[in-house]
């Protein structure tokens, strides 16, 4: 049996679903991308229906677009909460300092020598939340 995917079929209820290593939880960024792709398809559908003067399809598309926008806002706020929680956890660490280019080149060695080291790049969501200007290491122990 393959550990990455387990297929479960309930013949009685005719329900099929798959479970991967991470379980049912989907990455928020992937989910947001899928929602945005669906929103774009719906907007194209609305445009095409408006061009055809098909009021029924256009009305349904407008409803679905509104629902999709609500879902997107919910996922975005959830992602912001996750990043905020991470930033609070990182800020509570006792030691932080900018990493030199040499340390950045050999992060594996640095991470082995400093237990619990978290490296934050300024262009990531966490880096923007912390408003750092250069790659910074955070740790509970001095390094």
N, C-alpha and C. Protein backbone atom coordinates (compact mmCIF):
# COMPACT_ATOMS: atom_id res chain seq x y z
N UNK A 1 0.84 -1.18 0.00
CA UNK A 1 0.00 0.00 0.00
C UNK A 1 0.88 1.24 0.00
N UNK A 2 0.58 2.20 -0.84
CA UNK A 2 1.33 3.43 -0.96
C UNK A 2 0.96 4.35 0.20
N UNK A 3 1.99 4.84 0.92
CA UNK A 3 1.73 5.69 2.09
C UNK A 3 1.30 7.10 1.72
N UNK A 4 1.64 7.55 0.53
CA UNK A 4 1.28 8.93 0.19
C UNK A 4 -0.20 9.09 -0.09
N UNK A 5 -0.84 8.05 -0.57
CA UNK A 5 -2.27 8.17 -0.82
C UNK A 5 -2.99 6.89 -0.40
N UNK A 6 -4.04 7.07 0.31
CA UNK A 6 -4.88 5.96 0.72
C UNK A 6 -6.25 6.24 0.12
N UNK A 7 -6.70 5.32 -0.69
CA UNK A 7 -8.00 5.50 -1.31
C UNK A 7 -9.04 4.71 -0.53
N UNK A 8 -10.05 5.38 -0.15
CA UNK A 8 -11.13 4.76 0.60
C UNK A 8 -12.40 4.88 -0.22
N UNK A 9 -13.05 3.77 -0.41
CA UNK A 9 -14.29 3.78 -1.17
C UNK A 9 -15.38 3.17 -0.32
N UNK A 10 -16.45 3.92 -0.19
CA UNK A 10 -17.62 3.40 0.49
C UNK A 10 -18.66 3.10 -0.57
N UNK A 11 -18.80 1.85 -0.89
CA UNK A 11 -19.73 1.45 -1.94
C UNK A 11 -21.16 1.74 -1.51
N UNK A 12 -21.43 1.53 -0.24
CA UNK A 12 -22.79 1.72 0.27
C UNK A 12 -23.28 3.14 0.03
N UNK A 13 -22.44 4.13 0.31
CA UNK A 13 -22.83 5.53 0.17
C UNK A 13 -22.35 6.15 -1.13
N UNK A 14 -21.61 5.39 -1.92
CA UNK A 14 -21.04 5.87 -3.17
C UNK A 14 -20.20 7.13 -2.97
N UNK A 15 -19.41 7.11 -1.91
CA UNK A 15 -18.55 8.24 -1.60
C UNK A 15 -17.11 7.81 -1.80
N UNK A 16 -16.36 8.58 -2.57
CA UNK A 16 -14.95 8.31 -2.78
C UNK A 16 -14.17 9.55 -2.37
N UNK A 17 -13.09 9.33 -1.62
CA UNK A 17 -12.22 10.45 -1.27
C UNK A 17 -10.81 9.92 -1.09
N UNK A 18 -9.85 10.79 -1.19
CA UNK A 18 -8.46 10.40 -1.01
C UNK A 18 -7.86 11.20 0.12
N UNK A 19 -6.88 10.61 0.79
CA UNK A 19 -6.22 11.23 1.92
C UNK A 19 -4.72 11.19 1.63
N UNK A 20 -4.06 12.33 1.64
CA UNK A 20 -2.63 12.34 1.43
C UNK A 20 -1.91 12.50 2.75
N UNK A 21 -0.57 12.64 2.72
CA UNK A 21 0.23 12.72 3.95
C UNK A 21 -0.24 13.82 4.89
N UNK A 22 -0.61 14.95 4.33
CA UNK A 22 -0.97 16.10 5.16
C UNK A 22 -2.41 16.02 5.66
N UNK A 23 -3.16 15.01 5.26
CA UNK A 23 -4.55 14.91 5.67
C UNK A 23 -5.41 15.76 4.76
N UNK A 24 -6.50 16.25 5.31
CA UNK A 24 -7.45 17.02 4.51
C UNK A 24 -7.09 18.49 4.43
N UNK A 25 -6.21 18.95 5.31
CA UNK A 25 -5.87 20.36 5.36
C UNK A 25 -5.07 20.74 4.12
N UNK A 26 -5.59 21.67 3.37
CA UNK A 26 -4.91 22.13 2.17
C UNK A 26 -4.08 23.37 2.50
N UNK A 27 -2.97 23.51 1.86
CA UNK A 27 -2.14 24.68 2.03
C UNK A 27 -2.97 25.92 1.70
N UNK A 28 -2.91 26.93 2.55
CA UNK A 28 -3.72 28.13 2.37
C UNK A 28 -3.39 28.85 1.07
N UNK A 29 -2.11 28.87 0.71
CA UNK A 29 -1.74 29.55 -0.54
C UNK A 29 -2.30 28.82 -1.75
N UNK A 30 -2.27 27.50 -1.73
CA UNK A 30 -2.83 26.72 -2.84
C UNK A 30 -4.34 26.92 -2.91
N UNK A 31 -4.97 26.90 -1.76
CA UNK A 31 -6.42 27.09 -1.72
C UNK A 31 -6.80 28.47 -2.24
N UNK A 32 -6.04 29.48 -1.84
CA UNK A 32 -6.31 30.84 -2.31
C UNK A 32 -6.11 30.94 -3.81
N UNK A 33 -5.07 30.29 -4.33
CA UNK A 33 -4.83 30.30 -5.77
C UNK A 33 -5.98 29.64 -6.53
N UNK A 34 -6.47 28.52 -6.01
CA UNK A 34 -7.59 27.83 -6.65
C UNK A 34 -8.84 28.70 -6.64
N UNK A 35 -9.10 29.37 -5.52
CA UNK A 35 -10.26 30.24 -5.42
C UNK A 35 -10.16 31.41 -6.40
N UNK A 36 -8.96 31.98 -6.52
CA UNK A 36 -8.76 33.08 -7.46
C UNK A 36 -8.93 32.61 -8.91
N UNK A 37 -8.45 31.40 -9.21
CA UNK A 37 -8.63 30.86 -10.56
C UNK A 37 -10.11 30.67 -10.87
N UNK A 38 -10.85 30.16 -9.89
CA UNK A 38 -12.28 29.96 -10.08
C UNK A 38 -13.00 31.29 -10.27
N UNK A 39 -12.60 32.30 -9.49
CA UNK A 39 -13.18 33.63 -9.63
C UNK A 39 -12.93 34.19 -11.03
N UNK A 40 -11.73 34.00 -11.54
CA UNK A 40 -11.41 34.48 -12.89
C UNK A 40 -12.27 33.78 -13.94
N UNK A 41 -12.46 32.46 -13.79
CA UNK A 41 -13.32 31.73 -14.73
C UNK A 41 -14.76 32.23 -14.67
N UNK A 42 -15.24 32.51 -13.46
CA UNK A 42 -16.60 33.02 -13.31
C UNK A 42 -16.76 34.40 -13.93
N UNK A 43 -15.74 35.23 -13.80
CA UNK A 43 -15.81 36.57 -14.40
C UNK A 43 -15.83 36.48 -15.92
N UNK A 44 -15.07 35.54 -16.48
CA UNK A 44 -15.11 35.33 -17.93
C UNK A 44 -16.48 34.82 -18.36
N UNK A 45 -17.07 33.95 -17.53
CA UNK A 45 -18.40 33.42 -17.82
C UNK A 45 -19.43 34.56 -17.80
N UNK A 46 -19.30 35.45 -16.83
CA UNK A 46 -20.21 36.59 -16.72
C UNK A 46 -20.07 37.51 -17.94
N UNK A 47 -18.85 37.76 -18.36
CA UNK A 47 -18.62 38.61 -19.53
C UNK A 47 -19.24 38.00 -20.78
N UNK A 48 -19.03 36.69 -20.95
CA UNK A 48 -19.58 36.02 -22.12
C UNK A 48 -21.11 36.03 -22.09
N UNK A 49 -21.69 35.83 -20.90
CA UNK A 49 -23.15 35.84 -20.79
C UNK A 49 -23.70 37.24 -21.04
N UNK A 50 -22.99 38.26 -20.59
CA UNK A 50 -23.43 39.63 -20.84
C UNK A 50 -23.37 39.97 -22.33
N UNK A 51 -22.32 39.49 -22.99
CA UNK A 51 -22.20 39.72 -24.44
C UNK A 51 -23.33 39.05 -25.20
N UNK A 52 -23.77 37.87 -24.72
CA UNK A 52 -24.87 37.15 -25.36
C UNK A 52 -26.23 37.67 -24.92
N UNK A 53 -26.22 38.55 -23.92
CA UNK A 53 -27.45 39.07 -23.31
C UNK A 53 -28.28 37.96 -22.68
N UNK A 54 -27.58 37.03 -22.02
CA UNK A 54 -28.21 35.90 -21.34
C UNK A 54 -28.35 36.28 -19.86
N UNK A 55 -29.49 36.82 -19.47
CA UNK A 55 -29.69 37.34 -18.12
C UNK A 55 -29.67 36.24 -17.06
N UNK A 56 -30.18 35.07 -17.38
CA UNK A 56 -30.23 33.97 -16.41
C UNK A 56 -28.83 33.51 -16.02
N UNK A 57 -27.99 33.24 -17.00
CA UNK A 57 -26.62 32.78 -16.73
C UNK A 57 -25.82 33.90 -16.06
N UNK A 58 -26.02 35.14 -16.49
CA UNK A 58 -25.30 36.27 -15.91
C UNK A 58 -25.68 36.45 -14.43
N UNK A 59 -26.94 36.28 -14.11
CA UNK A 59 -27.38 36.39 -12.71
C UNK A 59 -26.77 35.32 -11.84
N UNK A 60 -26.73 34.08 -12.35
CA UNK A 60 -26.11 32.99 -11.59
C UNK A 60 -24.62 33.25 -11.40
N UNK A 61 -23.98 33.75 -12.45
CA UNK A 61 -22.54 34.03 -12.36
C UNK A 61 -22.27 35.12 -11.33
N UNK A 62 -23.11 36.14 -11.27
CA UNK A 62 -22.93 37.21 -10.28
C UNK A 62 -23.04 36.66 -8.85
N UNK A 63 -24.02 35.78 -8.63
CA UNK A 63 -24.18 35.17 -7.30
C UNK A 63 -22.94 34.36 -6.93
N UNK A 64 -22.46 33.55 -7.88
CA UNK A 64 -21.29 32.72 -7.61
C UNK A 64 -20.04 33.57 -7.39
N UNK A 65 -19.93 34.69 -8.11
CA UNK A 65 -18.79 35.59 -7.93
C UNK A 65 -18.80 36.17 -6.52
N UNK A 66 -19.95 36.58 -6.04
CA UNK A 66 -20.05 37.12 -4.68
C UNK A 66 -19.67 36.06 -3.64
N UNK A 67 -20.15 34.83 -3.83
CA UNK A 67 -19.80 33.75 -2.91
C UNK A 67 -18.29 33.49 -2.94
N UNK A 68 -17.72 33.52 -4.14
CA UNK A 68 -16.29 33.26 -4.29
C UNK A 68 -15.47 34.35 -3.61
N UNK A 69 -15.91 35.59 -3.73
CA UNK A 69 -15.20 36.70 -3.09
C UNK A 69 -15.23 36.57 -1.57
N UNK A 70 -16.36 36.11 -1.03
CA UNK A 70 -16.45 35.90 0.42
C UNK A 70 -15.49 34.81 0.87
N UNK A 71 -15.40 33.73 0.09
CA UNK A 71 -14.47 32.64 0.42
C UNK A 71 -13.03 33.13 0.37
N UNK A 72 -12.71 33.93 -0.65
CA UNK A 72 -11.35 34.45 -0.79
C UNK A 72 -11.00 35.34 0.41
N UNK A 73 -11.92 36.20 0.80
CA UNK A 73 -11.67 37.06 1.97
C UNK A 73 -11.46 36.25 3.24
N UNK A 74 -12.22 35.16 3.39
CA UNK A 74 -12.08 34.31 4.57
C UNK A 74 -10.70 33.64 4.60
N UNK A 75 -10.26 33.13 3.46
CA UNK A 75 -8.96 32.47 3.40
C UNK A 75 -7.84 33.47 3.61
N UNK A 76 -7.97 34.66 3.05
CA UNK A 76 -6.95 35.69 3.24
C UNK A 76 -6.84 36.09 4.72
N UNK A 77 -7.97 36.25 5.38
CA UNK A 77 -7.92 36.62 6.79
C UNK A 77 -7.34 35.49 7.63
N UNK A 78 -7.64 34.25 7.26
CA UNK A 78 -7.07 33.10 7.97
C UNK A 78 -5.55 33.08 7.78
N UNK A 79 -5.09 33.35 6.56
CA UNK A 79 -3.66 33.37 6.30
C UNK A 79 -2.99 34.49 7.09
N UNK A 80 -3.63 35.66 7.19
CA UNK A 80 -3.09 36.77 7.96
C UNK A 80 -2.99 36.41 9.44
N UNK A 81 -3.99 35.69 9.96
CA UNK A 81 -3.94 35.27 11.36
C UNK A 81 -2.78 34.31 11.61
N UNK A 82 -2.54 33.40 10.68
CA UNK A 82 -1.44 32.44 10.82
C UNK A 82 -0.10 33.17 10.83
N UNK A 83 0.08 34.11 9.91
CA UNK A 83 1.34 34.86 9.83
C UNK A 83 1.52 35.72 11.09
N UNK A 84 0.44 36.32 11.56
CA UNK A 84 0.54 37.13 12.77
C UNK A 84 0.95 36.27 13.96
N UNK A 85 0.38 35.09 14.08
CA UNK A 85 0.73 34.18 15.19
C UNK A 85 2.20 33.78 15.09
N UNK A 86 2.68 33.51 13.88
CA UNK A 86 4.08 33.17 13.70
C UNK A 86 4.98 34.34 14.08
N UNK A 87 4.58 35.54 13.72
CA UNK A 87 5.40 36.71 14.03
C UNK A 87 5.47 36.94 15.54
N UNK A 88 4.38 36.70 16.23
CA UNK A 88 4.39 36.85 17.69
C UNK A 88 5.33 35.81 18.30
N UNK A 89 5.27 34.58 17.82
CA UNK A 89 6.15 33.52 18.33
C UNK A 89 7.62 33.84 18.09
N UNK A 90 7.92 34.35 16.90
CA UNK A 90 9.31 34.66 16.56
C UNK A 90 9.79 35.86 17.38
N UNK A 91 8.96 36.86 17.56
CA UNK A 91 9.37 38.03 18.34
C UNK A 91 9.62 37.71 19.80
N UNK A 92 9.04 36.64 20.31
CA UNK A 92 9.24 36.26 21.70
C UNK A 92 10.58 35.57 21.93
N UNK A 93 11.27 35.21 20.85
CA UNK A 93 12.58 34.58 20.99
C UNK A 93 13.58 35.62 21.51
N UNK A 94 14.52 35.15 22.33
CA UNK A 94 15.41 36.06 23.04
C UNK A 94 16.47 36.71 22.15
N UNK A 95 16.99 35.97 21.17
CA UNK A 95 18.10 36.48 20.38
C UNK A 95 17.73 36.57 18.91
N UNK A 96 18.18 37.63 18.27
CA UNK A 96 18.05 37.75 16.83
C UNK A 96 19.17 38.63 16.30
N UNK A 97 19.58 38.33 15.07
CA UNK A 97 20.57 39.17 14.41
C UNK A 97 20.55 38.89 12.93
N UNK A 98 21.04 39.85 12.15
CA UNK A 98 21.13 39.68 10.70
C UNK A 98 22.20 38.63 10.40
N UNK A 99 21.95 37.82 9.38
CA UNK A 99 22.91 36.79 9.01
C UNK A 99 23.85 37.33 7.94
N UNK A 100 25.12 36.98 8.07
CA UNK A 100 26.09 37.39 7.06
C UNK A 100 25.89 36.58 5.79
N UNK A 101 26.48 37.04 4.70
CA UNK A 101 26.38 36.32 3.43
C UNK A 101 26.99 34.93 3.54
N UNK A 102 28.07 34.80 4.29
CA UNK A 102 28.72 33.51 4.45
C UNK A 102 27.81 32.55 5.23
N UNK A 103 27.15 33.05 6.26
CA UNK A 103 26.22 32.21 7.02
C UNK A 103 25.02 31.81 6.16
N UNK A 104 24.55 32.74 5.33
CA UNK A 104 23.43 32.43 4.46
C UNK A 104 23.81 31.36 3.43
N UNK A 105 25.07 31.39 3.00
CA UNK A 105 25.53 30.42 2.01
C UNK A 105 25.57 29.01 2.59
N UNK A 106 25.82 28.89 3.90
CA UNK A 106 25.90 27.57 4.53
C UNK A 106 24.91 27.49 5.69
N UNK A 107 23.63 27.61 5.36
CA UNK A 107 22.58 27.59 6.40
C UNK A 107 22.50 26.25 7.12
N UNK A 108 22.80 25.18 6.41
CA UNK A 108 22.74 23.85 7.03
C UNK A 108 23.67 23.75 8.22
N UNK A 109 24.89 24.22 8.03
CA UNK A 109 25.88 24.20 9.11
C UNK A 109 25.43 25.08 10.27
N UNK A 110 24.89 26.25 9.94
CA UNK A 110 24.43 27.18 10.98
C UNK A 110 23.27 26.57 11.77
N UNK A 111 22.33 25.97 11.07
CA UNK A 111 21.16 25.39 11.75
C UNK A 111 21.55 24.21 12.63
N UNK A 112 22.59 23.48 12.23
CA UNK A 112 23.07 22.37 13.06
C UNK A 112 23.75 22.88 14.32
N UNK A 113 24.42 24.00 14.21
CA UNK A 113 25.15 24.53 15.36
C UNK A 113 24.25 25.30 16.33
N UNK A 114 23.15 25.85 15.84
CA UNK A 114 22.24 26.63 16.69
C UNK A 114 20.90 25.90 16.73
N UNK A 115 20.58 25.35 17.89
CA UNK A 115 19.33 24.60 18.02
C UNK A 115 18.14 25.57 18.05
N UNK A 116 17.12 25.25 17.25
CA UNK A 116 15.90 26.06 17.25
C UNK A 116 16.00 27.35 16.46
N UNK A 117 16.97 27.42 15.55
CA UNK A 117 17.16 28.63 14.75
C UNK A 117 16.05 28.75 13.71
N UNK A 118 15.46 29.94 13.62
CA UNK A 118 14.47 30.24 12.59
C UNK A 118 15.03 31.36 11.73
N UNK A 119 15.14 31.10 10.43
CA UNK A 119 15.67 32.09 9.49
C UNK A 119 14.49 32.72 8.76
N UNK A 120 14.45 34.05 8.77
CA UNK A 120 13.34 34.77 8.13
C UNK A 120 13.91 35.68 7.05
N UNK A 121 13.41 35.52 5.83
CA UNK A 121 13.81 36.36 4.71
C UNK A 121 12.86 37.56 4.63
N UNK A 122 13.36 38.73 4.28
CA UNK A 122 12.50 39.92 4.30
C UNK A 122 11.38 39.91 3.26
N UNK A 123 11.49 39.11 2.21
CA UNK A 123 10.46 39.11 1.18
C UNK A 123 9.33 38.11 1.43
N UNK A 124 9.44 37.32 2.48
CA UNK A 124 8.36 36.40 2.81
C UNK A 124 7.27 37.15 3.58
N UNK A 125 6.12 36.51 3.72
CA UNK A 125 5.01 37.13 4.45
C UNK A 125 5.41 37.42 5.89
N UNK A 126 6.14 36.48 6.49
CA UNK A 126 6.59 36.67 7.87
C UNK A 126 7.60 37.82 7.94
N UNK A 127 8.49 37.91 6.98
CA UNK A 127 9.47 38.99 6.94
C UNK A 127 8.82 40.35 6.79
N UNK A 128 7.79 40.41 5.95
CA UNK A 128 7.07 41.69 5.79
C UNK A 128 6.32 42.04 7.07
N UNK A 129 5.76 41.04 7.73
CA UNK A 129 5.04 41.27 8.98
C UNK A 129 5.98 41.81 10.06
N UNK A 130 7.20 41.27 10.11
CA UNK A 130 8.18 41.70 11.10
C UNK A 130 8.91 42.97 10.68
N UNK A 131 8.73 43.40 9.42
CA UNK A 131 9.36 44.60 8.87
C UNK A 131 10.87 44.55 8.98
N UNK A 132 11.45 43.40 8.61
CA UNK A 132 12.91 43.28 8.62
C UNK A 132 13.44 43.69 7.25
N UNK A 133 14.67 44.17 7.24
CA UNK A 133 15.28 44.67 6.01
C UNK A 133 16.27 43.67 5.41
N UNK A 134 16.78 42.73 6.20
CA UNK A 134 17.73 41.74 5.70
C UNK A 134 17.45 40.39 6.36
N UNK A 135 17.99 39.34 5.76
CA UNK A 135 17.76 37.99 6.28
C UNK A 135 18.23 37.92 7.73
N UNK A 136 17.34 37.49 8.59
CA UNK A 136 17.58 37.53 10.03
C UNK A 136 17.35 36.15 10.63
N UNK A 137 18.17 35.83 11.63
CA UNK A 137 18.01 34.58 12.37
C UNK A 137 17.45 34.87 13.75
N UNK A 138 16.50 34.03 14.18
CA UNK A 138 15.89 34.16 15.51
C UNK A 138 16.12 32.86 16.26
N UNK A 139 16.47 32.96 17.54
CA UNK A 139 16.75 31.77 18.34
C UNK A 139 16.56 32.09 19.82
N UNK A 140 16.37 31.05 20.60
CA UNK A 140 16.30 31.21 22.05
C UNK A 140 17.67 31.19 22.69
N UNK A 141 18.68 30.71 21.94
CA UNK A 141 20.04 30.68 22.44
C UNK A 141 20.89 31.66 21.63
N UNK A 142 21.93 32.19 22.26
CA UNK A 142 22.81 33.13 21.56
C UNK A 142 23.57 32.42 20.45
N UNK A 143 23.77 33.11 19.35
CA UNK A 143 24.53 32.54 18.23
C UNK A 143 25.34 33.63 17.55
